[in-house]
C-alpha atoms as a PDB file:
ATOM      1  CA  MET A   1      45.373 -28.704 128.442  1.00  0.00           C
ATOM      2  CA  VAL A   2      42.314 -30.970 128.361  1.00  0.00           C
ATOM      3  CA  ARG A   3      42.383 -31.389 132.128  1.00  0.00           C
ATOM      4  CA  ALA A   4      42.692 -27.620 132.626  1.00  0.00           C
ATOM      5  CA  LEU A   5      39.701 -27.036 130.328  1.00  0.00           C
ATOM      6  CA  GLN A   6      37.652 -29.694 132.106  1.00  0.00           C
ATOM      7  CA  GLU A   7      38.402 -28.183 135.494  1.00  0.00           C
ATOM      8  CA  ASP A   8      37.709 -24.551 134.552  1.00  0.00           C
ATOM      9  CA  TYR A   9      38.149 -22.974 131.144  1.00  0.00           C
ATOM     10  CA  ARG A  10      38.351 -19.558 132.825  1.00  0.00           C
ATOM     11  CA  THR A  11      41.727 -20.428 134.325  1.00  0.00           C
ATOM     12  CA  ALA A  12      42.991 -22.744 131.562  1.00  0.00           C
ATOM     13  CA  PRO A  13      46.005 -21.583 129.541  1.00  0.00           C
ATOM     14  CA  ILE A  14      44.067 -20.632 126.407  1.00  0.00           C
ATOM     15  CA  PRO A  15      44.104 -17.516 124.231  1.00  0.00           C
ATOM     16  CA  GLU A  16      41.887 -14.653 125.424  1.00  0.00           C
ATOM     17  CA  GLN A  17      39.840 -14.921 122.213  1.00  0.00           C
ATOM     18  CA  ASP A  18      38.915 -18.509 123.119  1.00  0.00           C
ATOM     19  CA  ARG A  19      38.032 -17.467 126.677  1.00  0.00           C
ATOM     20  CA  VAL A  20      35.689 -14.733 125.392  1.00  0.00           C
ATOM     21  CA  MET A  21      34.032 -17.238 123.064  1.00  0.00           C
ATOM     22  CA  LEU A  22      33.607 -19.776 125.879  1.00  0.00           C
ATOM     23  CA  ASN A  23      32.151 -17.114 128.162  1.00  0.00           C
ATOM     24  CA  TYR A  24      29.543 -16.419 125.468  1.00  0.00           C
ATOM     25  CA  VAL A  25      28.819 -20.119 124.938  1.00  0.00           C
ATOM     26  CA  ALA A  26      28.475 -20.701 128.695  1.00  0.00           C
ATOM     27  CA  GLN A  27      25.962 -17.846 128.961  1.00  0.00           C
ATOM     28  CA  LEU A  28      24.096 -19.124 125.908  1.00  0.00           C
ATOM     29  CA  THR A  29      23.886 -22.531 127.572  1.00  0.00           C
ATOM     30  CA  ARG A  30      22.821 -21.219 130.999  1.00  0.00           C
ATOM     31  CA  ASP A  31      20.248 -18.676 129.790  1.00  0.00           C
ATOM     32  CA  ALA A  32      20.213 -17.441 126.208  1.00  0.00           C
ATOM     33  CA  THR A  33      17.599 -14.804 127.068  1.00  0.00           C
ATOM     34  CA  ARG A  34      20.306 -12.920 128.955  1.00  0.00           C
ATOM     35  CA  ILE A  35      22.508 -12.515 125.868  1.00  0.00           C
ATOM     36  CA  THR A  36      22.672  -8.820 124.982  1.00  0.00           C
ATOM     37  CA  PRO A  37      24.297  -6.715 122.273  1.00  0.00           C
ATOM     38  CA  ARG A  38      27.121  -6.155 124.773  1.00  0.00           C
ATOM     39  CA  ASP A  39      27.957  -9.877 124.561  1.00  0.00           C
ATOM     40  CA  HIS A  40      28.214  -9.596 120.793  1.00  0.00           C
ATOM     41  CA  GLU A  41      30.388  -6.500 121.133  1.00  0.00           C
ATOM     42  CA  GLN A  42      32.754  -8.429 123.414  1.00  0.00           C
ATOM     43  CA  LEU A  43      33.033 -11.113 120.744  1.00  0.00           C
ATOM     44  CA  ARG A  44      33.723  -8.471 118.080  1.00  0.00           C
ATOM     45  CA  ALA A  45      36.355  -6.845 120.302  1.00  0.00           C
ATOM     46  CA  ALA A  46      38.028 -10.261 120.609  1.00  0.00           C
ATOM     47  CA  GLY A  47      38.230 -10.493 116.811  1.00  0.00           C
ATOM     48  CA  PHE A  48      35.076 -12.354 115.822  1.00  0.00           C
ATOM     49  CA  GLY A  49      33.046 -11.050 112.907  1.00  0.00           C
ATOM     50  CA  ASP A  50      29.295 -11.334 112.500  1.00  0.00           C
ATOM     51  CA  LYS A  51      29.585 -14.582 110.506  1.00  0.00           C
ATOM     52  CA  ALA A  52      31.745 -16.148 113.233  1.00  0.00           C
ATOM     53  CA  ILE A  53      29.311 -14.980 115.936  1.00  0.00           C
ATOM     54  CA  LEU A  54      26.458 -16.603 114.018  1.00  0.00           C
ATOM     55  CA  GLN A  55      28.453 -19.824 113.624  1.00  0.00           C
ATOM     56  CA  ILE A  56      29.390 -19.917 117.331  1.00  0.00           C
ATOM     57  CA  THR A  57      25.751 -19.347 118.277  1.00  0.00           C
ATOM     58  CA  LEU A  58      24.409 -21.985 115.881  1.00  0.00           C
ATOM     59  CA  ILE A  59      26.936 -24.651 116.859  1.00  0.00           C
ATOM     60  CA  ALA A  60      26.538 -24.104 120.618  1.00  0.00           C
ATOM     61  CA  SER A  61      22.748 -24.025 120.296  1.00  0.00           C
ATOM     62  CA  TRP A  62      22.728 -27.217 118.237  1.00  0.00           C
ATOM     63  CA  PHE A  63      24.858 -29.043 120.825  1.00  0.00           C
ATOM     64  CA  ASN A  64      22.577 -27.801 123.605  1.00  0.00           C
ATOM     65  CA  TYR A  65      19.535 -29.011 121.672  1.00  0.00           C
ATOM     66  CA  ILE A  66      20.999 -32.432 120.879  1.00  0.00           C
ATOM     67  CA  ASN A  67      22.126 -32.952 124.483  1.00  0.00           C
ATOM     68  CA  ARG A  68      18.645 -32.156 125.771  1.00  0.00           C
ATOM     69  CA  VAL A  69      17.051 -34.561 123.302  1.00  0.00           C
ATOM     70  CA  ALA A  70      19.508 -37.282 124.330  1.00  0.00           C
ATOM     71  CA  ASP A  71      18.870 -36.569 128.010  1.00  0.00           C
ATOM     72  CA  ALA A  72      15.107 -36.720 127.520  1.00  0.00           C
ATOM     73  CA  LEU A  73      15.351 -40.045 125.732  1.00  0.00           C
ATOM     74  CA  GLY A  74      17.877 -41.498 128.147  1.00  0.00           C
ATOM     75  CA  VAL A  75      20.529 -41.900 125.482  1.00  0.00           C
ATOM     76  CA  GLY A  76      23.857 -42.813 127.044  1.00  0.00           C
ATOM     77  CA  ARG A  77      22.390 -43.667 130.422  1.00  0.00           C
ATOM     78  CA  GLU A  78      22.464 -47.135 131.831  1.00  0.00           C
ATOM     79  CA  GLU A  79      19.103 -48.838 131.934  1.00  0.00           C
ATOM     80  CA  GLN A  80      17.523 -48.373 135.331  1.00  0.00           C
ATOM     81  CA  GLY A  81      14.795 -50.566 136.563  1.00  0.00           C
END
């Protein structure tokens, strides 16, 4: 399962609800300005309520933020020089 998710979550054997959530998170990560009410409607149609949509958005955004901070500070990279 982990390998399938690493290769491509879109073809991994996961529930459709998870796939819809990951589609949203991927778009949020690529370009959050392109998120529209239609994206939220797709999440609702998959069974997510407004509270869950907020939680998904906050958690994904926090991870994106923390990863960018770590990247900017070189955290986890070998010292180059």
